[in-house]
Amino acid sequence: MASKKKRPSQPAKSRGRKKAKAPKTPKRVAKVRSLAGEGNPESARLHAALRESIERDIADRIEKHQSEVESLRASLRAGGQPPLMLLAHGDSWFDYPCDGNSPTPFSTSDIIAHLRKMGNPKPKILNLSHFGDATTDEMGLPKQQRLIEALQNPKNWLTGKPDAILFSGGGNDIAGDPFCIYLNYKDSGSSGLDSERFAGRLASMRASYLDLFLFRTRYASGVPIFGHCYDYARPMQPHPPCSGPWMKPSLTFAGWNAEEGAKIIADALDQFKATLDKLEASGQYAFTVVQTHNTLAATDWANELHPYPPGFEKLAQKFLSALRYGFSGRI
């Protein structure tokens, strides 16, 4: 049985806690989030405003994509090789609003932005991703309804459906304040990750992927799915601006230092990768795991979870190689 957490005792002087400073967030969401705290009478309205902003952003992407598809149809009447048509759905590795550590939005700082500029011909990608989503958000009812609308709209595709679906999910299921749920206290003498509790988290992520496969069979039959396994993130202290940290606070709370924390995070990511690899190896799901482990150097990381733009370009190259293997001569 997993050992129980035991809260370490504190000296009398340390019992009075100072109010922690809120981490900086990207400018396009910082104002809304800072005002939408618990008990704030404006909270519901501001959360609704944030949702509306996200929906407008997605709608703008869809409109731009449809315009590009219309132009592409016209050009292909004269001949030529049609590009891969891809649907992307995921988290901040597909939709990152920061340029490295700057809170300023930047258009080429995630995998999808870089992948759009790669290949011959370059792929056309409808990106419905949004930073901050866990797999349970990505496969929740509102996001599934959005995916259905995108898949069933003939204006989005050359042949009635995408050639492949790109999916990024799992990082936000582990990182953030809930990360402490899966940690043992260092002074308990146990390993960093509690195997029983973390197995429950992995089961939830696996369920989301299984639901994604079922969703694909129902609404995009025969379309392959390409996922990925992230890379070995490291806790940072002090953490750079923009947003975060997502892991170091929980590790510190449980008594683990940065070096020990890096091993704990690697353990979690290895178990997540093994879960995805088993789904791929089963051969049941037309699912490819893009092997992104060991892609990024230590200097590539902008913060605890995201690389600088050149790091995202390295990750996009991994997707390009996987797509070239799956669609020889198409990209």
C-alpha atoms as a PDB file:
ATOM      1  CA  MET A   1       0.000   0.000   0.000  1.00  0.00           C
ATOM      2  CA  ALA A   2       1.212   3.521  -0.787  1.00  0.00           C
ATOM      3  CA  SER A   3       2.634   5.383   2.189  1.00  0.00           C
ATOM      4  CA  LYS A   4       0.535   8.196   3.531  1.00  0.00           C
ATOM      5  CA  LYS A   5       1.735  11.741   3.274  1.00  0.00           C
ATOM      6  CA  LYS A   6       2.813  13.265   6.543  1.00  0.00           C
ATOM      7  CA  ARG A   7       2.937  17.039   6.599  1.00  0.00           C
ATOM      8  CA  PRO A   8       6.359  18.167   7.842  1.00  0.00           C
ATOM      9  CA  SER A   9       6.317  20.188  11.050  1.00  0.00           C
ATOM     10  CA  GLN A  10       7.183  23.868  10.889  1.00  0.00           C
ATOM     11  CA  PRO A  11       8.995  26.083  13.348  1.00  0.00           C
ATOM     12  CA  ALA A  12       6.753  28.537  15.148  1.00  0.00           C
ATOM     13  CA  LYS A  13       8.262  31.481  13.257  1.00  0.00           C
ATOM     14  CA  SER A  14       7.345  29.979   9.866  1.00  0.00           C
ATOM     15  CA  ARG A  15       3.688  29.321  10.667  1.00  0.00           C
ATOM     16  CA  GLY A  16       2.627  32.760   9.656  1.00  0.00           C
ATOM     17  CA  ARG A  17       2.402  32.500   5.900  1.00  0.00           C
ATOM     18  CA  LYS A  18       2.928  35.345   3.528  1.00  0.00           C
ATOM     19  CA  LYS A  19       0.549  35.617   0.638  1.00  0.00           C
ATOM     20  CA  ALA A  20       2.183  34.098  -2.430  1.00  0.00           C
ATOM     21  CA  LYS A  21       2.557  36.248  -5.491  1.00  0.00           C
ATOM     22  CA  ALA A  22       0.471  35.135  -8.461  1.00  0.00           C
ATOM     23  CA  PRO A  23       2.543  33.940 -11.437  1.00  0.00           C
ATOM     24  CA  LYS A  24       2.552  36.145 -14.485  1.00  0.00           C
ATOM     25  CA  THR A  25       0.333  35.052 -17.348  1.00  0.00           C
ATOM     26  CA  PRO A  26       0.191  35.996 -21.020  1.00  0.00           C
ATOM     27  CA  LYS A  27      -1.223  39.470 -21.614  1.00  0.00           C
ATOM     28  CA  ARG A  28      -4.220  38.222 -23.555  1.00  0.00           C
ATOM     29  CA  VAL A  29      -5.541  36.325 -20.523  1.00  0.00           C
ATOM     30  CA  ALA A  30      -3.786  37.915 -17.550  1.00  0.00           C
ATOM     31  CA  LYS A  31      -6.323  40.676 -16.977  1.00  0.00           C
ATOM     32  CA  VAL A  32      -9.312  38.339 -17.041  1.00  0.00           C
ATOM     33  CA  ARG A  33      -7.696  35.760 -14.775  1.00  0.00           C
ATOM     34  CA  SER A  34      -6.455  38.310 -12.270  1.00  0.00           C
ATOM     35  CA  LEU A  35      -9.970  39.659 -11.757  1.00  0.00           C
ATOM     36  CA  ALA A  36     -11.758  36.339 -11.797  1.00  0.00           C
ATOM     37  CA  GLY A  37     -10.746  35.101  -8.380  1.00  0.00           C
ATOM     38  CA  GLU A  38     -12.919  33.218  -5.928  1.00  0.00           C
ATOM     39  CA  GLY A  39     -15.603  35.333  -4.340  1.00  0.00           C
ATOM     40  CA  ASN A  40     -15.214  38.129  -6.893  1.00  0.00           C
ATOM     41  CA  PRO A  41     -18.709  39.212  -8.007  1.00  0.00           C
ATOM     42  CA  GLU A  42     -17.323  39.777 -11.483  1.00  0.00           C
ATOM     43  CA  SER A  43     -15.924  36.238 -11.693  1.00  0.00           C
ATOM     44  CA  ALA A  44     -18.703  34.622 -13.741  1.00  0.00           C
ATOM     45  CA  ARG A  45     -18.827  37.507 -16.192  1.00  0.00           C
ATOM     46  CA  LEU A  46     -15.061  37.548 -16.632  1.00  0.00           C
ATOM     47  CA  HIS A  47     -14.852  33.802 -17.118  1.00  0.00           C
ATOM     48  CA  ALA A  48     -17.578  34.129 -19.759  1.00  0.00           C
ATOM     49  CA  ALA A  49     -15.564  36.901 -21.418  1.00  0.00           C
ATOM     50  CA  LEU A  50     -12.510  34.652 -21.485  1.00  0.00           C
ATOM     51  CA  ARG A  51     -14.517  31.838 -23.066  1.00  0.00           C
ATOM     52  CA  GLU A  52     -15.898  34.243 -25.659  1.00  0.00           C
ATOM     53  CA  SER A  53     -12.383  35.450 -26.443  1.00  0.00           C
ATOM     54  CA  ILE A  54     -11.216  31.875 -26.977  1.00  0.00           C
ATOM     55  CA  GLU A  55     -14.225  31.120 -29.190  1.00  0.00           C
ATOM     56  CA  ARG A  56     -13.524  34.226 -31.307  1.00  0.00           C
ATOM     57  CA  ASP A  57      -9.901  33.165 -31.663  1.00  0.00           C
ATOM     58  CA  ILE A  58     -10.925  29.672 -32.811  1.00  0.00           C
ATOM     59  CA  ALA A  59     -13.552  31.125 -35.186  1.00  0.00           C
ATOM     60  CA  ASP A  60     -10.925  33.406 -36.731  1.00  0.00           C
ATOM     61  CA  ARG A  61      -8.611  30.436 -37.270  1.00  0.00           C
ATOM     62  CA  ILE A  62     -11.401  28.454 -38.949  1.00  0.00           C
ATOM     63  CA  GLU A  63     -12.316  31.376 -41.219  1.00  0.00           C
ATOM     64  CA  LYS A  64      -8.690  31.846 -42.262  1.00  0.00           C
ATOM     65  CA  HIS A  65      -8.282  28.113 -42.881  1.00  0.00           C
ATOM     66  CA  GLN A  66     -11.412  27.991 -45.046  1.00  0.00           C
ATOM     67  CA  SER A  67     -10.157  30.913 -47.123  1.00  0.00           C
ATOM     68  CA  GLU A  68      -6.865  29.086 -47.686  1.00  0.00           C
ATOM     69  CA  VAL A  69      -8.700  25.890 -48.680  1.00  0.00           C
ATOM     70  CA  GLU A  70     -10.832  27.807 -51.176  1.00  0.00           C
ATOM     71  CA  SER A  71      -7.729  29.329 -52.768  1.00  0.00           C
ATOM     72  CA  LEU A  72      -6.058  25.937 -52.771  1.00  0.00           C
ATOM     73  CA  ARG A  73      -8.977  24.319 -54.617  1.00  0.00           C
ATOM     74  CA  ALA A  74      -8.726  26.976 -57.312  1.00  0.00           C
ATOM     75  CA  SER A  75      -4.988  26.473 -57.746  1.00  0.00           C
ATOM     76  CA  LEU A  76      -5.262  22.678 -57.871  1.00  0.00           C
ATOM     77  CA  ARG A  77      -7.609  22.861 -60.882  1.00  0.00           C
ATOM     78  CA  ALA A  78      -4.506  23.691 -62.898  1.00  0.00           C
ATOM     79  CA  GLY A  79      -2.759  20.590 -61.516  1.00  0.00           C
ATOM     80  CA  GLY A  80      -0.241  20.036 -58.792  1.00  0.00           C
ATOM     81  CA  GLN A  81       0.174  17.957 -55.655  1.00  0.00           C
ATOM     82  CA  PRO A  82      -2.434  18.602 -52.931  1.00  0.00           C
ATOM     83  CA  PRO A  83      -0.909  19.180 -49.494  1.00  0.00           C
ATOM     84  CA  LEU A  84      -1.690  17.126 -46.431  1.00  0.00           C
ATOM     85  CA  MET A  85      -4.844  18.391 -44.741  1.00  0.00           C
ATOM     86  CA  LEU A  86      -4.437  18.100 -40.959  1.00  0.00           C
ATOM     87  CA  LEU A  87      -6.647  18.731 -37.930  1.00  0.00           C
ATOM     88  CA  ALA A  88      -4.739  19.684 -34.764  1.00  0.00           C
ATOM     89  CA  HIS A  89      -6.228  19.472 -31.288  1.00  0.00           C
ATOM     90  CA  GLY A  90      -4.298  19.861 -28.067  1.00  0.00           C
ATOM     91  CA  ASP A  91      -2.614  21.947 -25.400  1.00  0.00           C
ATOM     92  CA  SER A  92       0.110  24.604 -25.272  1.00  0.00           C
ATOM     93  CA  TRP A  93       2.609  22.510 -27.247  1.00  0.00           C
ATOM     94  CA  PHE A  94       0.234  23.131 -30.171  1.00  0.00           C
ATOM     95  CA  ASP A  95      -0.937  26.597 -29.042  1.00  0.00           C
ATOM     96  CA  TYR A  96       1.678  28.498 -27.055  1.00  0.00           C
ATOM     97  CA  PRO A  97       0.905  32.204 -26.506  1.00  0.00           C
ATOM     98  CA  CYS A  98       4.402  33.309 -25.401  1.00  0.00           C
ATOM     99  CA  ASP A  99       7.624  34.056 -27.248  1.00  0.00           C
ATOM    100  CA  GLY A 100      10.022  32.115 -25.037  1.00  0.00           C
ATOM    101  CA  ASN A 101       9.772  33.790 -21.644  1.00  0.00           C
ATOM    102  CA  SER A 102       8.055  36.925 -22.884  1.00  0.00           C
ATOM    103  CA  PRO A 103       4.312  37.385 -22.219  1.00  0.00           C
ATOM    104  CA  THR A 104       3.970  38.886 -25.707  1.00  0.00           C
ATOM    105  CA  PRO A 105       2.036  36.702 -28.187  1.00  0.00           C
ATOM    106  CA  PHE A 106       4.313  35.311 -30.904  1.00  0.00           C
ATOM    107  CA  SER A 107       3.166  33.451 -34.000  1.00  0.00           C
ATOM    108  CA  THR A 108       5.916  30.846 -34.360  1.00  0.00           C
ATOM    109  CA  SER A 109       6.420  29.485 -30.871  1.00  0.00           C
ATOM    110  CA  ASP A 110       4.608  26.134 -30.918  1.00  0.00           C
ATOM    111  CA  ILE A 111       4.802  22.882 -32.870  1.00  0.00           C
ATOM    112  CA  ILE A 112       1.923  23.650 -35.234  1.00  0.00           C
ATOM    113  CA  ALA A 113       3.215  27.104 -36.159  1.00  0.00           C
ATOM    114  CA  HIS A 114       6.570  25.612 -37.165  1.00  0.00           C
ATOM    115  CA  LEU A 115       5.088  22.551 -38.888  1.00  0.00           C
ATOM    116  CA  ARG A 116       3.020  24.821 -41.141  1.00  0.00           C
ATOM    117  CA  LYS A 117       6.274  26.104 -42.666  1.00  0.00           C
ATOM    118  CA  MET A 118       7.826  22.657 -43.258  1.00  0.00           C
ATOM    119  CA  GLY A 119       7.562  20.075 -45.999  1.00  0.00           C
ATOM    120  CA  ASN A 120       7.008  20.133 -49.740  1.00  0.00           C
ATOM    121  CA  PRO A 121       4.207  20.838 -50.191  1.00  0.00           C
ATOM    122  CA  LYS A 122       3.619  22.481 -46.831  1.00  0.00           C
ATOM    123  CA  PRO A 123       0.624  21.039 -44.946  1.00  0.00           C
ATOM    124  CA  LYS A 124      -2.608  22.901 -44.321  1.00  0.00           C
ATOM    125  CA  ILE A 125      -3.494  22.651 -40.637  1.00  0.00           C
ATOM    126  CA  LEU A 126      -6.750  23.594 -38.946  1.00  0.00           C
ATOM    127  CA  ASN A 127      -5.633  24.175 -35.365  1.00  0.00           C
ATOM    128  CA  LEU A 128      -8.351  23.931 -32.701  1.00  0.00           C
ATOM    129  CA  SER A 129      -5.882  23.646 -29.811  1.00  0.00           C
ATOM    130  CA  HIS A 130      -5.840  25.846 -26.734  1.00  0.00           C
ATOM    131  CA  PHE A 131      -3.165  26.212 -24.086  1.00  0.00           C
ATOM    132  CA  GLY A 132      -3.917  24.980 -20.585  1.00  0.00           C
ATOM    133  CA  ASP A 133      -6.197  22.084 -21.548  1.00  0.00           C
ATOM    134  CA  ALA A 134      -5.884  18.679 -19.899  1.00  0.00           C
ATOM    135  CA  THR A 135      -6.974  15.592 -21.845  1.00  0.00           C
ATOM    136  CA  THR A 136     -10.259  15.602 -19.942  1.00  0.00           C
ATOM    137  CA  ASP A 137     -10.836  19.160 -21.229  1.00  0.00           C
ATOM    138  CA  GLU A 138      -9.775  18.269 -24.757  1.00  0.00           C
ATOM    139  CA  MET A 139     -12.162  15.307 -24.859  1.00  0.00           C
ATOM    140  CA  GLY A 140     -14.926  16.969 -22.851  1.00  0.00           C
ATOM    141  CA  LEU A 141     -18.310  17.588 -24.463  1.00  0.00           C
ATOM    142  CA  PRO A 142     -17.792  21.200 -25.693  1.00  0.00           C
ATOM    143  CA  LYS A 143     -14.492  20.361 -27.414  1.00  0.00           C
ATOM    144  CA  GLN A 144     -15.937  17.208 -29.010  1.00  0.00           C
ATOM    145  CA  GLN A 145     -18.836  19.253 -30.386  1.00  0.00           C
ATOM    146  CA  ARG A 146     -16.357  21.765 -31.830  1.00  0.00           C
ATOM    147  CA  LEU A 147     -14.391  18.930 -33.429  1.00  0.00           C
ATOM    148  CA  ILE A 148     -17.546  17.460 -34.969  1.00  0.00           C
ATOM    149  CA  GLU A 149     -18.451  20.812 -36.520  1.00  0.00           C
ATOM    150  CA  ALA A 150     -14.960  21.176 -37.956  1.00  0.00           C
ATOM    151  CA  LEU A 151     -14.896  17.635 -39.334  1.00  0.00           C
ATOM    152  CA  GLN A 152     -18.342  17.848 -40.931  1.00  0.00           C
ATOM    153  CA  ASN A 153     -17.855  21.230 -42.605  1.00  0.00           C
ATOM    154  CA  PRO A 154     -16.836  20.536 -46.245  1.00  0.00           C
ATOM    155  CA  LYS A 155     -15.224  23.969 -46.468  1.00  0.00           C
ATOM    156  CA  ASN A 156     -12.422  22.744 -44.209  1.00  0.00           C
ATOM    157  CA  TRP A 157     -11.206  19.811 -46.335  1.00  0.00           C
ATOM    158  CA  LEU A 158     -10.321  18.958 -49.908  1.00  0.00           C
ATOM    159  CA  THR A 159     -11.670  15.403 -49.795  1.00  0.00           C
ATOM    160  CA  GLY A 160     -14.363  15.575 -47.120  1.00  0.00           C
ATOM    161  CA  LYS A 161     -12.105  14.910 -44.139  1.00  0.00           C
ATOM    162  CA  PRO A 162      -8.533  15.514 -42.932  1.00  0.00           C
ATOM    163  CA  ASP A 163      -5.691  13.207 -43.888  1.00  0.00           C
ATOM    164  CA  ALA A 164      -4.633  12.937 -40.229  1.00  0.00           C
ATOM    165  CA  ILE A 165      -5.401  14.234 -36.747  1.00  0.00           C
ATOM    166  CA  LEU A 166      -2.571  15.631 -34.618  1.00  0.00           C
ATOM    167  CA  PHE A 167      -3.151  15.417 -30.861  1.00  0.00           C
ATOM    168  CA  SER A 168      -1.208  16.878 -27.925  1.00  0.00           C
ATOM    169  CA  GLY A 169      -2.508  15.852 -24.525  1.00  0.00           C
ATOM    170  CA  GLY A 170      -1.303  14.730 -21.114  1.00  0.00           C
ATOM    171  CA  GLY A 171       1.082  17.401 -19.871  1.00  0.00           C
ATOM    172  CA  ASN A 172      -1.578  19.478 -18.158  1.00  0.00           C
ATOM    173  CA  ASP A 173      -3.058  16.371 -16.526  1.00  0.00           C
ATOM    174  CA  ILE A 174       0.102  16.086 -14.434  1.00  0.00           C
ATOM    175  CA  ALA A 175       1.614  19.559 -14.083  1.00  0.00           C
ATOM    176  CA  GLY A 176       0.280  22.442 -12.022  1.00  0.00           C
ATOM    177  CA  ASP A 177      -1.056  22.625  -8.486  1.00  0.00           C
ATOM    178  CA  PRO A 178      -2.561  19.081  -8.592  1.00  0.00           C
ATOM    179  CA  PHE A 179       0.945  17.650  -9.138  1.00  0.00           C
ATOM    180  CA  CYS A 180       1.355  17.391  -5.360  1.00  0.00           C
ATOM    181  CA  ILE A 181      -1.442  14.792  -5.264  1.00  0.00           C
ATOM    182  CA  TYR A 182       0.886  12.202  -6.777  1.00  0.00           C
ATOM    183  CA  LEU A 183       3.978  12.968  -4.675  1.00  0.00           C
ATOM    184  CA  ASN A 184       5.170  11.249  -1.509  1.00  0.00           C
ATOM    185  CA  TYR A 185       6.871  13.359   1.135  1.00  0.00           C
ATOM    186  CA  LYS A 186      10.635  12.924   1.038  1.00  0.00           C
ATOM    187  CA  ASP A 187      10.838  12.307   4.800  1.00  0.00           C
ATOM    188  CA  SER A 188       8.451   9.342   4.459  1.00  0.00           C
ATOM    189  CA  GLY A 189      11.283   7.274   2.973  1.00  0.00           C
ATOM    190  CA  SER A 190       9.179   6.454  -0.090  1.00  0.00           C
ATOM    191  CA  SER A 191       9.932   7.096  -3.758  1.00  0.00           C
ATOM    192  CA  GLY A 192       8.947  10.419  -5.275  1.00  0.00           C
ATOM    193  CA  LEU A 193       5.871   9.285  -7.174  1.00  0.00           C
ATOM    194  CA  ASP A 194       3.215   7.338  -5.329  1.00  0.00           C
ATOM    195  CA  SER A 195       2.582   4.410  -7.668  1.00  0.00           C
ATOM    196  CA  GLU A 196      -1.042   3.853  -6.682  1.00  0.00           C
ATOM    197  CA  ARG A 197      -2.132   7.466  -6.939  1.00  0.00           C
ATOM    198  CA  PHE A 198      -0.235   8.132 -10.173  1.00  0.00           C
ATOM    199  CA  ALA A 199      -1.660   4.968 -11.734  1.00  0.00           C
ATOM    200  CA  GLY A 200      -5.081   6.553 -11.296  1.00  0.00           C
ATOM    201  CA  ARG A 201      -3.953   9.644 -13.191  1.00  0.00           C
ATOM    202  CA  LEU A 202      -2.509   7.524 -16.005  1.00  0.00           C
ATOM    203  CA  ALA A 203      -5.769   5.593 -16.213  1.00  0.00           C
ATOM    204  CA  SER A 204      -7.673   8.846 -16.670  1.00  0.00           C
ATOM    205  CA  MET A 205      -5.328   9.970 -19.461  1.00  0.00           C
ATOM    206  CA  ARG A 206      -5.566   6.579 -21.144  1.00  0.00           C
ATOM    207  CA  ALA A 207      -9.361   6.820 -21.009  1.00  0.00           C
ATOM    208  CA  SER A 208      -9.195  10.179 -22.811  1.00  0.00           C
ATOM    209  CA  TYR A 209      -7.035   8.692 -25.570  1.00  0.00           C
ATOM    210  CA  LEU A 210      -9.354   5.697 -25.922  1.00  0.00           C
ATOM    211  CA  ASP A 211     -12.281   8.079 -26.233  1.00  0.00           C
ATOM    212  CA  LEU A 212     -10.367  10.033 -28.887  1.00  0.00           C
ATOM    213  CA  PHE A 213      -9.950   6.825 -30.903  1.00  0.00           C
ATOM    214  CA  LEU A 214     -13.646   6.005 -30.557  1.00  0.00           C
ATOM    215  CA  PHE A 215     -14.548   9.562 -31.552  1.00  0.00           C
ATOM    216  CA  ARG A 216     -12.336   9.291 -34.659  1.00  0.00           C
ATOM    217  CA  THR A 217     -13.947   5.998 -35.692  1.00  0.00           C
ATOM    218  CA  ARG A 218     -17.382   7.581 -35.448  1.00  0.00           C
ATOM    219  CA  TYR A 219     -16.707  10.982 -37.048  1.00  0.00           C
ATOM    220  CA  ALA A 220     -13.540  10.559 -39.160  1.00  0.00           C
ATOM    221  CA  SER A 221     -13.341   6.868 -39.973  1.00  0.00           C
ATOM    222  CA  GLY A 222      -9.949   5.712 -41.207  1.00  0.00           C
ATOM    223  CA  VAL A 223      -8.118   8.922 -40.319  1.00  0.00           C
ATOM    224  CA  PRO A 224      -4.836   8.175 -38.474  1.00  0.00           C
ATOM    225  CA  ILE A 225      -3.925   9.985 -35.260  1.00  0.00           C
ATOM    226  CA  PHE A 226      -0.446  11.264 -34.382  1.00  0.00           C
ATOM    227  CA  GLY A 227       0.298  12.013 -30.714  1.00  0.00           C
ATOM    228  CA  HIS A 228       3.528  12.608 -28.801  1.00  0.00           C
ATOM    229  CA  CYS A 229       5.160  11.923 -25.434  1.00  0.00           C
ATOM    230  CA  TYR A 230       6.564  15.401 -24.504  1.00  0.00           C
ATOM    231  CA  ASP A 231      10.185  15.637 -23.317  1.00  0.00           C
ATOM    232  CA  TYR A 232      12.107  15.598 -20.053  1.00  0.00           C
ATOM    233  CA  ALA A 233      11.112  18.875 -18.435  1.00  0.00           C
ATOM    234  CA  ARG A 234      13.055  20.074 -15.402  1.00  0.00           C
ATOM    235  CA  PRO A 235      11.861  22.090 -12.393  1.00  0.00           C
ATOM    236  CA  MET A 236      13.296  25.609 -12.364  1.00  0.00           C
ATOM    237  CA  GLN A 237      14.125  27.879  -9.455  1.00  0.00           C
ATOM    238  CA  PRO A 238      13.875  30.786  -9.804  1.00  0.00           C
ATOM    239  CA  HIS A 239      11.331  30.399 -12.573  1.00  0.00           C
ATOM    240  CA  PRO A 240      11.343  32.849 -15.505  1.00  0.00           C
ATOM    241  CA  PRO A 241       8.410  35.199 -16.138  1.00  0.00           C
ATOM    242  CA  CYS A 242       5.451  34.531 -18.457  1.00  0.00           C
ATOM    243  CA  SER A 243       3.513  31.779 -16.641  1.00  0.00           C
ATOM    244  CA  GLY A 244       4.361  28.965 -14.229  1.00  0.00           C
ATOM    245  CA  PRO A 245       6.085  27.435 -12.373  1.00  0.00           C
ATOM    246  CA  TRP A 246       4.002  24.292 -12.608  1.00  0.00           C
ATOM    247  CA  MET A 247       6.132  21.655 -10.860  1.00  0.00           C
ATOM    248  CA  LYS A 248       8.747  23.136  -8.517  1.00  0.00           C
ATOM    249  CA  PRO A 249       6.217  24.415  -5.914  1.00  0.00           C
ATOM    250  CA  SER A 250       4.720  20.927  -5.404  1.00  0.00           C
ATOM    251  CA  LEU A 251       8.150  19.317  -5.292  1.00  0.00           C
ATOM    252  CA  THR A 252       9.373  21.845  -2.719  1.00  0.00           C
ATOM    253  CA  PHE A 253       6.207  21.349  -0.673  1.00  0.00           C
ATOM    254  CA  ALA A 254       6.896  17.594  -0.519  1.00  0.00           C
ATOM    255  CA  GLY A 255      10.571  18.169   0.367  1.00  0.00           C
ATOM    256  CA  TRP A 256      12.278  17.299  -2.941  1.00  0.00           C
ATOM    257  CA  ASN A 257      15.064  19.449  -4.405  1.00  0.00           C
ATOM    258  CA  ALA A 258      15.419  20.324  -8.101  1.00  0.00           C
ATOM    259  CA  GLU A 259      17.726  17.415  -8.985  1.00  0.00           C
ATOM    260  CA  GLU A 260      15.476  14.911  -7.243  1.00  0.00           C
ATOM    261  CA  GLY A 261      12.456  16.583  -8.790  1.00  0.00           C
ATOM    262  CA  ALA A 262      13.870  16.169 -12.294  1.00  0.00           C
ATOM    263  CA  LYS A 263      14.084  12.406 -11.708  1.00  0.00           C
ATOM    264  CA  ILE A 264      10.511  12.321 -10.408  1.00  0.00           C
ATOM    265  CA  ILE A 265       9.274  14.197 -13.482  1.00  0.00           C
ATOM    266  CA  ALA A 266      11.249  11.863 -15.754  1.00  0.00           C
ATOM    267  CA  ASP A 267       9.627   8.886 -14.016  1.00  0.00           C
ATOM    268  CA  ALA A 268       6.166  10.363 -14.606  1.00  0.00           C
ATOM    269  CA  LEU A 269       6.918  11.082 -18.280  1.00  0.00           C
ATOM    270  CA  ASP A 270       8.391   7.618 -18.837  1.00  0.00           C
ATOM    271  CA  GLN A 271       5.217   6.045 -17.456  1.00  0.00           C
ATOM    272  CA  PHE A 272       3.079   8.308 -19.646  1.00  0.00           C
ATOM    273  CA  LYS A 273       5.162   7.395 -22.709  1.00  0.00           C
ATOM    274  CA  ALA A 274       4.860   3.691 -21.891  1.00  0.00           C
ATOM    275  CA  THR A 275       1.071   4.094 -21.736  1.00  0.00           C
ATOM    276  CA  LEU A 276       0.978   5.675 -25.204  1.00  0.00           C
ATOM    277  CA  ASP A 277       3.477   3.190 -26.652  1.00  0.00           C
ATOM    278  CA  LYS A 278       1.246   0.303 -25.556  1.00  0.00           C
ATOM    279  CA  LEU A 279      -1.730   1.896 -27.308  1.00  0.00           C
ATOM    280  CA  GLU A 280       0.318   2.247 -30.493  1.00  0.00           C
ATOM    281  CA  ALA A 281       1.794  -1.264 -30.263  1.00  0.00           C
ATOM    282  CA  SER A 282      -1.646  -2.857 -29.934  1.00  0.00           C
ATOM    283  CA  GLY A 283      -2.276  -2.047 -33.593  1.00  0.00           C
ATOM    284  CA  GLN A 284      -5.967  -1.415 -32.884  1.00  0.00           C
ATOM    285  CA  TYR A 285      -6.123   2.357 -33.106  1.00  0.00           C
ATOM    286  CA  ALA A 286      -4.225   3.692 -36.180  1.00  0.00           C
ATOM    287  CA  PHE A 287      -2.213   5.675 -33.661  1.00  0.00           C
ATOM    288  CA  THR A 288       1.398   6.845 -33.970  1.00  0.00           C
ATOM    289  CA  VAL A 289       3.410   8.181 -31.024  1.00  0.00           C
ATOM    290  CA  VAL A 290       5.858  10.798 -32.268  1.00  0.00           C
ATOM    291  CA  GLN A 291       8.972  10.078 -30.209  1.00  0.00           C
ATOM    292  CA  THR A 292       9.762  13.508 -28.784  1.00  0.00           C
ATOM    293  CA  HIS A 293      11.699  12.257 -25.735  1.00  0.00           C
ATOM    294  CA  ASN A 294      15.351  13.370 -25.674  1.00  0.00           C
ATOM    295  CA  THR A 295      14.784  15.990 -28.378  1.00  0.00           C
ATOM    296  CA  LEU A 296      15.455  19.147 -26.360  1.00  0.00           C
ATOM    297  CA  ALA A 297      18.761  20.204 -24.835  1.00  0.00           C
ATOM    298  CA  ALA A 298      18.829  21.899 -21.432  1.00  0.00           C
ATOM    299  CA  THR A 299      19.326  25.272 -23.153  1.00  0.00           C
ATOM    300  CA  ASP A 300      16.180  24.760 -25.269  1.00  0.00           C
ATOM    301  CA  TRP A 301      13.826  25.098 -22.307  1.00  0.00           C
ATOM    302  CA  ALA A 302      12.258  28.536 -21.848  1.00  0.00           C
ATOM    303  CA  ASN A 303      10.451  27.494 -18.662  1.00  0.00           C
ATOM    304  CA  GLU A 304       9.381  24.325 -16.868  1.00  0.00           C
ATOM    305  CA  LEU A 305       7.066  23.075 -19.615  1.00  0.00           C
ATOM    306  CA  HIS A 306       7.875  24.890 -22.852  1.00  0.00           C
ATOM    307  CA  PRO A 307      10.934  25.371 -25.066  1.00  0.00           C
ATOM    308  CA  TYR A 308      12.079  28.509 -26.843  1.00  0.00           C
ATOM    309  CA  PRO A 309      10.958  28.778 -30.505  1.00  0.00           C
ATOM    310  CA  PRO A 310      14.039  26.847 -31.815  1.00  0.00           C
ATOM    311  CA  GLY A 311      13.105  24.020 -29.442  1.00  0.00           C
ATOM    312  CA  PHE A 312       9.567  23.938 -30.792  1.00  0.00           C
ATOM    313  CA  GLU A 313      11.086  23.780 -34.276  1.00  0.00           C
ATOM    314  CA  LYS A 314      13.036  20.646 -33.246  1.00  0.00           C
ATOM    315  CA  LEU A 315       9.812  19.067 -32.025  1.00  0.00           C
ATOM    316  CA  ALA A 316       8.016  20.013 -35.249  1.00  0.00           C
ATOM    317  CA  GLN A 317      10.782  18.248 -37.182  1.00  0.00           C
ATOM    318  CA  LYS A 318       9.882  15.060 -35.293  1.00  0.00           C
ATOM    319  CA  PHE A 319       6.275  15.407 -36.458  1.00  0.00           C
ATOM    320  CA  LEU A 320       7.451  16.104 -40.002  1.00  0.00           C
ATOM    321  CA  SER A 321       9.489  12.885 -40.032  1.00  0.00           C
ATOM    322  CA  ALA A 322       6.541  10.853 -38.701  1.00  0.00           C
ATOM    323  CA  LEU A 323       4.181  12.342 -41.287  1.00  0.00           C
ATOM    324  CA  ARG A 324       6.642  11.688 -44.096  1.00  0.00           C
ATOM    325  CA  TYR A 325       6.856   8.066 -43.009  1.00  0.00           C
ATOM    326  CA  GLY A 326       3.071   7.763 -42.905  1.00  0.00           C
ATOM    327  CA  PHE A 327       2.413   9.792 -46.096  1.00  0.00           C
ATOM    328  CA  SER A 328       5.372   9.166 -48.378  1.00  0.00           C
ATOM    329  CA  GLY A 329       5.714  11.850 -51.049  1.00  0.00           C
ATOM    330  CA  ARG A 330       2.880  13.977 -49.648  1.00  0.00           C
ATOM    331  CA  ILE A 331       4.853  16.369 -47.441  1.00  0.00           C
END
